[in-house]
């Protein structure tokens, strides 16, 4: 049985919509997680970060108002603190994240998800 595909999706984001459309155009009906309504907890974020192969800071949307208002440019913040903040403020999480098995990819650009489909 092939691994299911999950997309952490924000319908208001053009890249997220393009990525979902790209998957669907290939006959894939991914599980859709509306992460702004159902934010991932810290454990889920840690799993996603490991699958993406990146550090928490690399998953932050630095242009969001919350990034500035929460002082997230402060390099002294630990990975655990950043993960906790992203879970509490999911708007700060870069999107879309597409997961297949133990692998994940950021859909920026949307075509990046094609590497999961091989």
Protein backbone atom coordinates (compact mmCIF):
# COMPACT_ATOMS: atom_id res chain seq x y z
CA UNK A 1 0.00 0.00 0.00
CA UNK A 2 1.53 3.35 -0.99
CA UNK A 3 2.14 6.01 1.62
CA UNK A 4 -0.69 8.48 1.97
CA UNK A 5 0.02 12.08 1.11
CA UNK A 6 -0.91 14.91 3.44
CA UNK A 7 -0.83 18.63 2.71
CA UNK A 8 -0.74 21.29 5.40
CA UNK A 9 -2.84 23.76 3.50
CA UNK A 10 -3.96 27.37 3.69
CA UNK A 11 -6.68 27.94 1.05
CA UNK A 12 -5.92 31.69 1.05
CA UNK A 13 -2.30 31.11 -0.04
CA UNK A 14 -1.71 30.94 -3.80
CA UNK A 15 1.31 28.61 -3.46
CA UNK A 16 -0.72 26.29 -1.27
CA UNK A 17 -3.60 26.24 -3.78
CA UNK A 18 -1.17 25.65 -6.68
CA UNK A 19 0.48 22.77 -4.81
CA UNK A 20 -2.87 21.13 -4.02
CA UNK A 21 -3.94 21.53 -7.65
CA UNK A 22 -0.66 20.00 -8.85
CA UNK A 23 -1.22 16.94 -6.65
CA UNK A 24 -4.84 16.60 -7.75
CA UNK A 25 -3.88 16.93 -11.43
CA UNK A 26 -1.76 13.79 -10.92
CA UNK A 27 -4.72 11.87 -9.53
CA UNK A 28 -3.66 12.28 -5.90
CA UNK A 29 -6.33 13.09 -3.34
CA UNK A 30 -4.20 14.14 -0.37
CA UNK A 31 -5.42 14.38 3.19
CA UNK A 32 -5.87 18.12 3.70
CA UNK A 33 -4.93 19.62 7.05
CA UNK A 34 -6.22 23.17 7.44
CA UNK A 35 -3.42 24.01 9.84
CA UNK A 36 -4.65 27.52 10.67
CA UNK A 37 -7.87 26.01 12.06
CA UNK A 38 -6.21 22.88 13.45
CA UNK A 39 -2.64 23.91 14.39
CA UNK A 40 -0.03 21.18 14.71
CA UNK A 41 1.18 20.59 18.25
CA UNK A 42 4.86 20.73 19.17
CA UNK A 43 5.37 16.99 18.63
CA UNK A 44 3.82 17.15 15.16
CA UNK A 45 5.96 20.18 14.27
CA UNK A 46 9.11 18.33 15.41
CA UNK A 47 8.15 15.38 13.18
CA UNK A 48 7.51 17.71 10.22
CA UNK A 49 10.81 19.52 10.74
CA UNK A 50 12.70 16.21 10.86
CA UNK A 51 10.95 15.04 7.67
CA UNK A 52 11.74 18.36 5.98
CA UNK A 53 15.36 18.21 7.19
CA UNK A 54 15.31 21.82 8.40
CA UNK A 55 15.57 23.79 11.63
CA UNK A 56 12.53 25.55 13.15
CA UNK A 57 13.82 28.99 12.17
CA UNK A 58 13.79 27.90 8.49
CA UNK A 59 10.04 27.17 8.73
CA UNK A 60 9.15 30.64 10.02
CA UNK A 61 7.37 33.17 7.84
CA UNK A 62 9.49 36.22 8.61
CA UNK A 63 7.22 38.74 6.90
CA UNK A 64 4.21 38.08 9.15
CA UNK A 65 3.31 40.78 11.68
CA UNK A 66 3.56 38.20 14.49
CA UNK A 67 7.20 37.56 13.58
CA UNK A 68 8.06 41.16 14.40
CA UNK A 69 5.63 41.62 17.31
CA UNK A 70 6.86 38.42 19.04
CA UNK A 71 10.52 39.37 18.55
CA UNK A 72 11.33 36.20 16.63
CA UNK A 73 14.39 37.70 14.94
CA UNK A 74 16.11 37.17 18.31
CA UNK A 75 18.74 34.50 17.61
CA UNK A 76 18.78 33.53 21.29
CA UNK A 77 15.39 31.79 21.01
CA UNK A 78 15.78 28.03 21.25
CA UNK A 79 14.37 25.55 18.74
CA UNK A 80 11.89 24.40 21.41
CA UNK A 81 10.71 27.98 21.96
CA UNK A 82 10.29 28.55 18.21
CA UNK A 83 8.31 25.31 17.88
CA UNK A 84 6.07 26.29 20.80
CA UNK A 85 5.47 29.72 19.25
CA UNK A 86 4.66 28.25 15.81
CA UNK A 87 2.16 25.89 17.38
CA UNK A 88 0.50 28.81 19.20
CA UNK A 89 0.69 31.07 16.11
CA UNK A 90 0.27 28.77 13.07
CA UNK A 91 0.20 31.74 10.71
CA UNK A 92 3.99 31.81 11.21
CA UNK A 93 4.43 28.36 9.64
CA UNK A 94 5.69 28.40 6.05
CA UNK A 95 3.31 26.63 3.70
CA UNK A 96 2.36 24.37 2.13
CA UNK A 97 4.02 21.33 3.65
CA UNK A 98 3.42 18.07 1.81
CA UNK A 99 4.16 14.80 3.61
CA UNK A 100 4.55 11.29 2.26
CA UNK A 101 5.71 8.63 4.68
CA UNK A 102 8.76 9.91 6.54
CA UNK A 103 9.53 12.53 3.89
CA UNK A 104 8.18 16.04 3.57
CA UNK A 105 8.73 18.93 1.24
CA UNK A 106 7.82 22.60 1.27
CA UNK A 107 5.72 23.50 -1.78
CA UNK A 108 7.79 26.56 -2.62
CA UNK A 109 7.77 26.36 -5.57
CA UNK A 110 4.80 23.99 -5.93
CA UNK A 111 6.81 21.75 -8.31
CA UNK A 112 9.11 20.86 -5.39
CA UNK A 113 6.49 18.33 -4.25
CA UNK A 114 7.08 16.26 -7.38
CA UNK A 115 10.19 14.77 -5.77
CA UNK A 116 7.89 13.01 -3.26
CA UNK A 117 5.94 11.35 -6.07
CA UNK A 118 8.85 9.43 -7.59
